[in-house]
Amino acid sequence: MKWIFLSPHLDDAVFSCGGFIWERIREVQAVEVWTICAGDPPEGSLSAFAQSLHDRWGTGLEAVRARRSEDRAACQVLGAGFRHFTIADCVYRLHPATGQPLYASEEAIFGPVDEAESGCIQSLAGQIAAGSQPGDRLVCPLAIGGHVDHRLVRRMVAHLPVELRDRMRYYADFPYVEHFAGQPASAERAADRLPATVQAMVPAGWRAVRHPLSEQALAAWTRAMRSYRSQLSTFWSGPGQMEAAIRRYAHRFAGSLLWQPA
């Protein structure tokens, strides 16, 4: 049996669960991070929005190659295996009929999944099922924050065989969850005292399971996150602010949370 973390992008699973992953590996459990939207962009010109992201990341046209390299380095820090699927990030995907960008703005990438992607979702579910072994435990993002690629992965899970869905666990998308959780009114931190804004995003009856993290796990988590050099500026002013956010999040929820369906 191995743990398989489904990561929409080349950073999400490590950003959200790096400490938990490190703890499982220290217990001699096999862990792999499967990044769904890790494929190369299609040939041709990119949308102005995609180009603006490349400029912010400082990667130019080597963005995807650089991000795959960052992900390999982060997984190596934790000791996890990895797999990169060939679906492109939403900012590169084109409508199959018109050839126009499906998501060409900040508003679009935090909107609904385009119905033109239904075939992609079905194909992805088949690949995930084919690559899994009996007893594997998959971990999926809750899609907190509403990013379209996170929504796509969450929707894909509904198409997996029932034996895989029965063993599914879900993680809170960090750092989006920090925004939705807001500031605690008191020393709120236990898994059974989740902020209402976060609990409202979890289906009724699901149980949040808290997994304490050691200081060594927190240190490994932050080291792994530093590997994503191109992405830190999206959320933080620098590595110091990133590390403070991780420690604040882990302290508030007394470790790392995974949700288990009823």
C-alpha atoms as a PDB file:
ATOM      1  CA  MET A   1       0.000   0.000   0.000  1.00  0.00           C
ATOM      2  CA  LYS A   2       1.181   3.510  -0.779  1.00  0.00           C
ATOM      3  CA  TRP A   3      -0.141   6.994  -0.294  1.00  0.00           C
ATOM      4  CA  ILE A   4      -0.826   8.848  -3.554  1.00  0.00           C
ATOM      5  CA  PHE A   5      -1.292  12.606  -3.245  1.00  0.00           C
ATOM      6  CA  LEU A   6      -3.133  14.118  -6.186  1.00  0.00           C
ATOM      7  CA  SER A   7      -1.670  17.564  -6.816  1.00  0.00           C
ATOM      8  CA  PRO A   8      -3.419  19.856  -9.314  1.00  0.00           C
ATOM      9  CA  HIS A   9      -0.193  21.814  -9.938  1.00  0.00           C
ATOM     10  CA  LEU A  10       3.513  21.402  -9.445  1.00  0.00           C
ATOM     11  CA  ASP A  11       3.416  22.536  -5.809  1.00  0.00           C
ATOM     12  CA  ASP A  12      -0.072  22.027  -4.339  1.00  0.00           C
ATOM     13  CA  ALA A  13       0.359  18.697  -2.542  1.00  0.00           C
ATOM     14  CA  VAL A  14       3.681  19.706  -0.985  1.00  0.00           C
ATOM     15  CA  PHE A  15       2.365  23.162  -0.056  1.00  0.00           C
ATOM     16  CA  SER A  16      -0.669  21.563   1.599  1.00  0.00           C
ATOM     17  CA  CYS A  17       0.685  18.312   3.062  1.00  0.00           C
ATOM     18  CA  GLY A  18       4.474  18.435   3.102  1.00  0.00           C
ATOM     19  CA  GLY A  19       4.776  17.776   6.835  1.00  0.00           C
ATOM     20  CA  PHE A  20       2.306  14.898   6.724  1.00  0.00           C
ATOM     21  CA  ILE A  21       4.122  13.369   3.759  1.00  0.00           C
ATOM     22  CA  TRP A  22       7.460  13.593   5.577  1.00  0.00           C
ATOM     23  CA  GLU A  23       6.011  11.888   8.674  1.00  0.00           C
ATOM     24  CA  ARG A  24       4.598   9.001   6.612  1.00  0.00           C
ATOM     25  CA  ILE A  25       7.940   8.444   4.894  1.00  0.00           C
ATOM     26  CA  ARG A  26       9.745   8.423   8.251  1.00  0.00           C
ATOM     27  CA  GLU A  27       7.337   5.608   9.213  1.00  0.00           C
ATOM     28  CA  VAL A  28       8.642   3.707   6.155  1.00  0.00           C
ATOM     29  CA  GLN A  29       5.412   4.182   4.228  1.00  0.00           C
ATOM     30  CA  ALA A  30       5.593   4.691   0.468  1.00  0.00           C
ATOM     31  CA  VAL A  31       4.373   8.084  -0.744  1.00  0.00           C
ATOM     32  CA  GLU A  32       4.052   9.441  -4.274  1.00  0.00           C
ATOM     33  CA  VAL A  33       2.957  12.883  -5.461  1.00  0.00           C
ATOM     34  CA  TRP A  34       1.045  12.753  -8.744  1.00  0.00           C
ATOM     35  CA  THR A  35       0.821  16.171 -10.383  1.00  0.00           C
ATOM     36  CA  ILE A  36      -2.087  16.347 -12.786  1.00  0.00           C
ATOM     37  CA  CYS A  37      -1.487  19.624 -14.667  1.00  0.00           C
ATOM     38  CA  ALA A  38       2.222  19.181 -15.371  1.00  0.00           C
ATOM     39  CA  GLY A  39       2.235  18.944 -19.172  1.00  0.00           C
ATOM     40  CA  ASP A  40       3.853  21.233 -21.697  1.00  0.00           C
ATOM     41  CA  PRO A  41       1.855  24.106 -23.206  1.00  0.00           C
ATOM     42  CA  PRO A  42       0.511  23.597 -26.727  1.00  0.00           C
ATOM     43  CA  GLU A  43       2.565  24.954 -29.598  1.00  0.00           C
ATOM     44  CA  GLY A  44       1.857  28.488 -30.681  1.00  0.00           C
ATOM     45  CA  SER A  45       1.471  31.813 -28.929  1.00  0.00           C
ATOM     46  CA  LEU A  46       0.267  32.018 -25.339  1.00  0.00           C
ATOM     47  CA  SER A  47      -2.497  34.218 -23.991  1.00  0.00           C
ATOM     48  CA  ALA A  48      -1.480  37.564 -22.528  1.00  0.00           C
ATOM     49  CA  PHE A  49      -2.495  36.233 -19.116  1.00  0.00           C
ATOM     50  CA  ALA A  50      -0.195  33.203 -19.361  1.00  0.00           C
ATOM     51  CA  GLN A  51       2.668  35.424 -20.500  1.00  0.00           C
ATOM     52  CA  SER A  52       2.102  37.727 -17.527  1.00  0.00           C
ATOM     53  CA  LEU A  53       2.440  34.751 -15.181  1.00  0.00           C
ATOM     54  CA  HIS A  54       5.718  33.734 -16.813  1.00  0.00           C
ATOM     55  CA  ASP A  55       6.974  37.260 -16.264  1.00  0.00           C
ATOM     56  CA  ARG A  56       6.003  37.194 -12.593  1.00  0.00           C
ATOM     57  CA  TRP A  57       7.595  33.789 -12.066  1.00  0.00           C
ATOM     58  CA  GLY A  58      10.778  34.854 -13.837  1.00  0.00           C
ATOM     59  CA  THR A  59      10.799  31.688 -15.953  1.00  0.00           C
ATOM     60  CA  GLY A  60      10.019  32.919 -19.448  1.00  0.00           C
ATOM     61  CA  LEU A  61       9.128  30.159 -21.912  1.00  0.00           C
ATOM     62  CA  GLU A  62      10.822  27.561 -19.690  1.00  0.00           C
ATOM     63  CA  ALA A  63       8.073  27.869 -17.065  1.00  0.00           C
ATOM     64  CA  VAL A  64       6.776  24.301 -17.108  1.00  0.00           C
ATOM     65  CA  ARG A  65      10.220  22.719 -17.354  1.00  0.00           C
ATOM     66  CA  ALA A  66      11.406  24.876 -14.452  1.00  0.00           C
ATOM     67  CA  ARG A  67       8.373  23.999 -12.355  1.00  0.00           C
ATOM     68  CA  ARG A  68       8.821  20.266 -12.966  1.00  0.00           C
ATOM     69  CA  SER A  69      12.429  20.617 -11.828  1.00  0.00           C
ATOM     70  CA  GLU A  70      11.267  22.442  -8.693  1.00  0.00           C
ATOM     71  CA  ASP A  71       8.781  19.692  -7.951  1.00  0.00           C
ATOM     72  CA  ARG A  72      11.395  16.961  -8.320  1.00  0.00           C
ATOM     73  CA  ALA A  73      13.630  18.838  -5.878  1.00  0.00           C
ATOM     74  CA  ALA A  74      10.799  19.282  -3.358  1.00  0.00           C
ATOM     75  CA  CYS A  75       9.840  15.601  -3.500  1.00  0.00           C
ATOM     76  CA  GLN A  76      13.485  14.672  -3.027  1.00  0.00           C
ATOM     77  CA  VAL A  77      13.632  16.789   0.149  1.00  0.00           C
ATOM     78  CA  LEU A  78      10.673  14.857   1.561  1.00  0.00           C
ATOM     79  CA  GLY A  79      11.759  11.483   0.182  1.00  0.00           C
ATOM     80  CA  ALA A  80       8.592  11.061  -1.902  1.00  0.00           C
ATOM     81  CA  GLY A  81       8.229   9.625  -5.368  1.00  0.00           C
ATOM     82  CA  PHE A  82       6.555  11.676  -8.084  1.00  0.00           C
ATOM     83  CA  ARG A  83       4.659  11.362 -11.331  1.00  0.00           C
ATOM     84  CA  HIS A  84       3.968  14.167 -13.799  1.00  0.00           C
ATOM     85  CA  PHE A  85       0.873  13.817 -15.984  1.00  0.00           C
ATOM     86  CA  THR A  86       0.698  15.414 -19.422  1.00  0.00           C
ATOM     87  CA  ILE A  87      -2.348  17.661 -18.988  1.00  0.00           C
ATOM     88  CA  ALA A  88      -1.319  21.315 -19.288  1.00  0.00           C
ATOM     89  CA  ASP A  89      -2.037  23.935 -16.647  1.00  0.00           C
ATOM     90  CA  CYS A  90      -5.405  25.637 -17.147  1.00  0.00           C
ATOM     91  CA  VAL A  91      -3.730  28.858 -18.325  1.00  0.00           C
ATOM     92  CA  TYR A  92      -2.450  26.943 -21.375  1.00  0.00           C
ATOM     93  CA  ARG A  93      -5.448  24.740 -22.218  1.00  0.00           C
ATOM     94  CA  LEU A  94      -7.418  25.465 -25.384  1.00  0.00           C
ATOM     95  CA  HIS A  95     -11.012  24.775 -26.351  1.00  0.00           C
ATOM     96  CA  PRO A  96     -10.976  21.590 -28.464  1.00  0.00           C
ATOM     97  CA  ALA A  97     -13.332  23.083 -31.049  1.00  0.00           C
ATOM     98  CA  THR A  98     -12.263  26.726 -31.312  1.00  0.00           C
ATOM     99  CA  GLY A  99      -8.617  26.553 -30.273  1.00  0.00           C
ATOM    100  CA  GLN A 100      -9.137  29.575 -28.016  1.00  0.00           C
ATOM    101  CA  PRO A 101      -7.786  29.704 -24.428  1.00  0.00           C
ATOM    102  CA  LEU A 102     -10.260  28.243 -21.961  1.00  0.00           C
ATOM    103  CA  TYR A 103      -9.034  30.281 -19.008  1.00  0.00           C
ATOM    104  CA  ALA A 104      -7.399  33.557 -19.998  1.00  0.00           C
ATOM    105  CA  SER A 105      -7.852  35.733 -16.901  1.00  0.00           C
ATOM    106  CA  GLU A 106      -7.577  35.714 -13.115  1.00  0.00           C
ATOM    107  CA  GLU A 107     -11.374  35.570 -12.898  1.00  0.00           C
ATOM    108  CA  ALA A 108     -11.545  32.562 -15.239  1.00  0.00           C
ATOM    109  CA  ILE A 109      -9.040  30.443 -13.303  1.00  0.00           C
ATOM    110  CA  PHE A 110     -11.163  30.856 -10.182  1.00  0.00           C
ATOM    111  CA  GLY A 111     -14.376  30.070 -11.997  1.00  0.00           C
ATOM    112  CA  PRO A 112     -16.139  26.838 -12.976  1.00  0.00           C
ATOM    113  CA  VAL A 113     -14.612  24.031 -15.018  1.00  0.00           C
ATOM    114  CA  ASP A 114     -15.536  24.492 -18.680  1.00  0.00           C
ATOM    115  CA  GLU A 115     -17.850  21.725 -19.887  1.00  0.00           C
ATOM    116  CA  ALA A 116     -15.506  21.221 -22.844  1.00  0.00           C
ATOM    117  CA  GLU A 117     -13.190  19.481 -20.361  1.00  0.00           C
ATOM    118  CA  SER A 118     -15.534  16.578 -19.588  1.00  0.00           C
ATOM    119  CA  GLY A 119     -13.577  14.249 -21.866  1.00  0.00           C
ATOM    120  CA  CYS A 120     -10.333  15.260 -20.182  1.00  0.00           C
ATOM    121  CA  ILE A 121     -11.816  14.440 -16.769  1.00  0.00           C
ATOM    122  CA  GLN A 122     -12.956  10.998 -17.906  1.00  0.00           C
ATOM    123  CA  SER A 123      -9.566  10.234 -19.460  1.00  0.00           C
ATOM    124  CA  LEU A 124      -7.749  11.367 -16.341  1.00  0.00           C
ATOM    125  CA  ALA A 125      -9.891   9.154 -14.113  1.00  0.00           C
ATOM    126  CA  GLY A 126      -8.967   6.191 -16.284  1.00  0.00           C
ATOM    127  CA  GLN A 127      -5.254   6.992 -15.987  1.00  0.00           C
ATOM    128  CA  ILE A 128      -5.462   7.341 -12.210  1.00  0.00           C
ATOM    129  CA  ALA A 129      -7.333   4.074 -11.855  1.00  0.00           C
ATOM    130  CA  ALA A 130      -4.917   2.239 -14.153  1.00  0.00           C
ATOM    131  CA  GLY A 131      -1.899   3.523 -12.252  1.00  0.00           C
ATOM    132  CA  SER A 132      -3.198   2.587  -8.811  1.00  0.00           C
ATOM    133  CA  GLN A 133      -2.758  -0.728  -7.063  1.00  0.00           C
ATOM    134  CA  PRO A 134      -5.146  -2.544  -4.675  1.00  0.00           C
ATOM    135  CA  GLY A 135      -4.762  -1.023  -1.235  1.00  0.00           C
ATOM    136  CA  ASP A 136      -3.369   2.333  -2.389  1.00  0.00           C
ATOM    137  CA  ARG A 137      -4.793   5.322  -0.537  1.00  0.00           C
ATOM    138  CA  LEU A 138      -5.417   8.415  -2.637  1.00  0.00           C
ATOM    139  CA  VAL A 139      -5.518  11.916  -1.181  1.00  0.00           C
ATOM    140  CA  CYS A 140      -7.379  14.630  -3.096  1.00  0.00           C
ATOM    141  CA  PRO A 141      -7.656  18.409  -2.648  1.00  0.00           C
ATOM    142  CA  LEU A 142     -10.924  19.756  -1.275  1.00  0.00           C
ATOM    143  CA  ALA A 143     -10.639  22.587  -3.841  1.00  0.00           C
ATOM    144  CA  ILE A 144     -10.848  25.282  -1.168  1.00  0.00           C
ATOM    145  CA  GLY A 145     -10.299  28.560  -2.958  1.00  0.00           C
ATOM    146  CA  GLY A 146     -12.078  27.399  -6.091  1.00  0.00           C
ATOM    147  CA  HIS A 147      -9.124  27.268  -8.509  1.00  0.00           C
ATOM    148  CA  VAL A 148     -10.375  25.607 -11.681  1.00  0.00           C
ATOM    149  CA  ASP A 149      -7.620  22.954 -11.740  1.00  0.00           C
ATOM    150  CA  HIS A 150      -8.367  22.028  -8.130  1.00  0.00           C
ATOM    151  CA  ARG A 151     -12.051  21.760  -9.055  1.00  0.00           C
ATOM    152  CA  LEU A 152     -11.136  19.580 -12.035  1.00  0.00           C
ATOM    153  CA  VAL A 153      -9.228  17.110  -9.828  1.00  0.00           C
ATOM    154  CA  ARG A 154     -12.056  17.038  -7.293  1.00  0.00           C
ATOM    155  CA  ARG A 155     -14.602  16.350 -10.058  1.00  0.00           C
ATOM    156  CA  MET A 156     -12.398  13.630 -11.531  1.00  0.00           C
ATOM    157  CA  VAL A 157     -12.498  11.664  -8.273  1.00  0.00           C
ATOM    158  CA  ALA A 158     -16.229  11.058  -8.729  1.00  0.00           C
ATOM    159  CA  HIS A 159     -15.399   9.016 -11.851  1.00  0.00           C
ATOM    160  CA  LEU A 160     -12.961   6.656 -10.112  1.00  0.00           C
ATOM    161  CA  PRO A 161     -13.953   3.076  -9.257  1.00  0.00           C
ATOM    162  CA  VAL A 162     -15.820   2.786  -5.970  1.00  0.00           C
ATOM    163  CA  GLU A 163     -13.022   0.814  -4.325  1.00  0.00           C
ATOM    164  CA  LEU A 164     -10.692   3.790  -4.829  1.00  0.00           C
ATOM    165  CA  ARG A 165     -13.274   6.351  -3.703  1.00  0.00           C
ATOM    166  CA  ASP A 166     -13.907   4.377  -0.515  1.00  0.00           C
ATOM    167  CA  ARG A 167     -10.254   4.817   0.503  1.00  0.00           C
ATOM    168  CA  MET A 168     -10.051   8.468  -0.531  1.00  0.00           C
ATOM    169  CA  ARG A 169      -8.881  11.150   1.871  1.00  0.00           C
ATOM    170  CA  TYR A 170      -9.029  14.915   1.277  1.00  0.00           C
ATOM    171  CA  TYR A 171      -6.674  17.730   2.178  1.00  0.00           C
ATOM    172  CA  ALA A 172      -7.244  21.451   2.649  1.00  0.00           C
ATOM    173  CA  ASP A 173      -5.660  23.503  -0.123  1.00  0.00           C
ATOM    174  CA  PHE A 174      -2.932  25.627   1.454  1.00  0.00           C
ATOM    175  CA  PRO A 175      -2.457  28.577   1.375  1.00  0.00           C
ATOM    176  CA  TYR A 176      -6.016  29.180   0.132  1.00  0.00           C
ATOM    177  CA  VAL A 177      -7.423  27.669   3.316  1.00  0.00           C
ATOM    178  CA  GLU A 178      -5.589  30.247   5.419  1.00  0.00           C
ATOM    179  CA  HIS A 179      -7.529  33.017   3.704  1.00  0.00           C
ATOM    180  CA  PHE A 180     -10.871  31.265   4.126  1.00  0.00           C
ATOM    181  CA  ALA A 181     -10.205  30.301   7.739  1.00  0.00           C
ATOM    182  CA  GLY A 182      -9.707  33.899   8.765  1.00  0.00           C
ATOM    183  CA  GLN A 183      -8.164  34.885  12.064  1.00  0.00           C
ATOM    184  CA  PRO A 184      -9.135  32.806  15.123  1.00  0.00           C
ATOM    185  CA  ALA A 185     -11.094  34.632  17.803  1.00  0.00           C
ATOM    186  CA  SER A 186      -9.275  32.717  20.519  1.00  0.00           C
ATOM    187  CA  ALA A 187      -6.797  29.875  20.850  1.00  0.00           C
ATOM    188  CA  GLU A 188      -8.863  27.914  18.352  1.00  0.00           C
ATOM    189  CA  ARG A 189      -6.760  25.075  17.000  1.00  0.00           C
ATOM    190  CA  ALA A 190      -8.325  21.656  17.585  1.00  0.00           C
ATOM    191  CA  ALA A 191      -9.583  19.629  14.630  1.00  0.00           C
ATOM    192  CA  ASP A 192     -13.108  19.584  16.076  1.00  0.00           C
ATOM    193  CA  ARG A 193     -13.240  23.411  16.180  1.00  0.00           C
ATOM    194  CA  LEU A 194     -12.755  24.272  12.536  1.00  0.00           C
ATOM    195  CA  PRO A 195     -13.863  27.755  11.472  1.00  0.00           C
ATOM    196  CA  ALA A 196     -17.371  27.727  10.067  1.00  0.00           C
ATOM    197  CA  THR A 197     -16.097  29.158   6.772  1.00  0.00           C
ATOM    198  CA  VAL A 198     -13.904  26.093   6.258  1.00  0.00           C
ATOM    199  CA  GLN A 199     -16.345  23.532   7.636  1.00  0.00           C
ATOM    200  CA  ALA A 200     -18.993  24.812   5.214  1.00  0.00           C
ATOM    201  CA  MET A 201     -16.819  23.625   2.310  1.00  0.00           C
ATOM    202  CA  VAL A 202     -16.719  20.037   3.608  1.00  0.00           C
ATOM    203  CA  PRO A 203     -19.688  17.741   2.898  1.00  0.00           C
ATOM    204  CA  ALA A 204     -21.890  16.956   5.889  1.00  0.00           C
ATOM    205  CA  GLY A 205     -20.815  13.908   7.833  1.00  0.00           C
ATOM    206  CA  TRP A 206     -17.158  13.981   6.803  1.00  0.00           C
ATOM    207  CA  ARG A 207     -14.694  13.633   9.650  1.00  0.00           C
ATOM    208  CA  ALA A 208     -11.548  15.745  10.060  1.00  0.00           C
ATOM    209  CA  VAL A 209      -8.632  13.683  11.337  1.00  0.00           C
ATOM    210  CA  ARG A 210      -5.759  15.572  12.922  1.00  0.00           C
ATOM    211  CA  HIS A 211      -2.202  14.335  12.404  1.00  0.00           C
ATOM    212  CA  PRO A 212       0.317  15.979  14.755  1.00  0.00           C
ATOM    213  CA  LEU A 213       3.567  17.155  13.197  1.00  0.00           C
ATOM    214  CA  SER A 214       6.990  17.089  14.800  1.00  0.00           C
ATOM    215  CA  GLU A 215       9.403  19.995  14.643  1.00  0.00           C
ATOM    216  CA  GLN A 216      11.458  17.931  12.191  1.00  0.00           C
ATOM    217  CA  ALA A 217       8.398  17.532   9.949  1.00  0.00           C
ATOM    218  CA  LEU A 218       7.742  21.284   9.969  1.00  0.00           C
ATOM    219  CA  ALA A 219      11.381  21.948   9.087  1.00  0.00           C
ATOM    220  CA  ALA A 220      11.290  19.440   6.211  1.00  0.00           C
ATOM    221  CA  TRP A 221       7.999  20.917   5.000  1.00  0.00           C
ATOM    222  CA  THR A 222       9.423  24.423   4.808  1.00  0.00           C
ATOM    223  CA  ARG A 223      12.623  23.188   3.125  1.00  0.00           C
ATOM    224  CA  ALA A 224      10.566  21.412   0.476  1.00  0.00           C
ATOM    225  CA  MET A 225       8.415  24.486  -0.123  1.00  0.00           C
ATOM    226  CA  ARG A 226      11.508  26.613  -0.656  1.00  0.00           C
ATOM    227  CA  SER A 227      12.202  24.436  -3.714  1.00  0.00           C
ATOM    228  CA  TYR A 228       9.308  26.123  -5.528  1.00  0.00           C
ATOM    229  CA  ARG A 229      11.249  29.314  -6.103  1.00  0.00           C
ATOM    230  CA  SER A 230       9.120  30.494  -9.015  1.00  0.00           C
ATOM    231  CA  GLN A 231       5.881  30.180  -7.067  1.00  0.00           C
ATOM    232  CA  LEU A 232       6.620  31.713  -3.670  1.00  0.00           C
ATOM    233  CA  SER A 233       6.003  35.268  -4.898  1.00  0.00           C
ATOM    234  CA  THR A 234       2.433  34.315  -5.810  1.00  0.00           C
ATOM    235  CA  PHE A 235       1.554  34.056  -2.133  1.00  0.00           C
ATOM    236  CA  TRP A 236       4.351  35.509   0.015  1.00  0.00           C
ATOM    237  CA  SER A 237       6.909  38.296   0.006  1.00  0.00           C
ATOM    238  CA  GLY A 238       9.709  35.797   0.601  1.00  0.00           C
ATOM    239  CA  PRO A 239      10.723  32.498   2.253  1.00  0.00           C
ATOM    240  CA  GLY A 240      10.498  33.981   5.753  1.00  0.00           C
ATOM    241  CA  GLN A 241       6.857  34.964   5.357  1.00  0.00           C
ATOM    242  CA  MET A 242       6.126  31.560   3.810  1.00  0.00           C
ATOM    243  CA  GLU A 243       7.647  29.712   6.771  1.00  0.00           C
ATOM    244  CA  ALA A 244       5.703  31.864   9.233  1.00  0.00           C
ATOM    245  CA  ALA A 245       2.481  31.045   7.390  1.00  0.00           C
ATOM    246  CA  ILE A 246       3.169  27.303   7.546  1.00  0.00           C
ATOM    247  CA  ARG A 247       3.906  27.407  11.263  1.00  0.00           C
ATOM    248  CA  ARG A 248       0.812  29.526  11.933  1.00  0.00           C
ATOM    249  CA  TYR A 249      -1.351  27.089   9.988  1.00  0.00           C
ATOM    250  CA  ALA A 250       0.099  23.984  11.665  1.00  0.00           C
ATOM    251  CA  HIS A 251      -0.225  25.572  15.114  1.00  0.00           C
ATOM    252  CA  ARG A 252      -3.799  26.645  14.555  1.00  0.00           C
ATOM    253  CA  PHE A 253      -4.957  23.183  13.513  1.00  0.00           C
ATOM    254  CA  ALA A 254      -2.574  21.305  15.829  1.00  0.00           C
ATOM    255  CA  GLY A 255      -0.868  19.535  12.919  1.00  0.00           C
ATOM    256  CA  SER A 256      -2.135  18.502   9.515  1.00  0.00           C
ATOM    257  CA  LEU A 257      -5.777  17.706   8.724  1.00  0.00           C
ATOM    258  CA  LEU A 258      -7.202  15.096   6.377  1.00  0.00           C
ATOM    259  CA  TRP A 259     -10.907  14.629   5.826  1.00  0.00           C
ATOM    260  CA  GLN A 260     -12.471  11.198   5.628  1.00  0.00           C
ATOM    261  CA  PRO A 261     -15.879  10.767   3.964  1.00  0.00           C
ATOM    262  CA  ALA A 262     -18.585   9.098   6.013  1.00  0.00           C
END
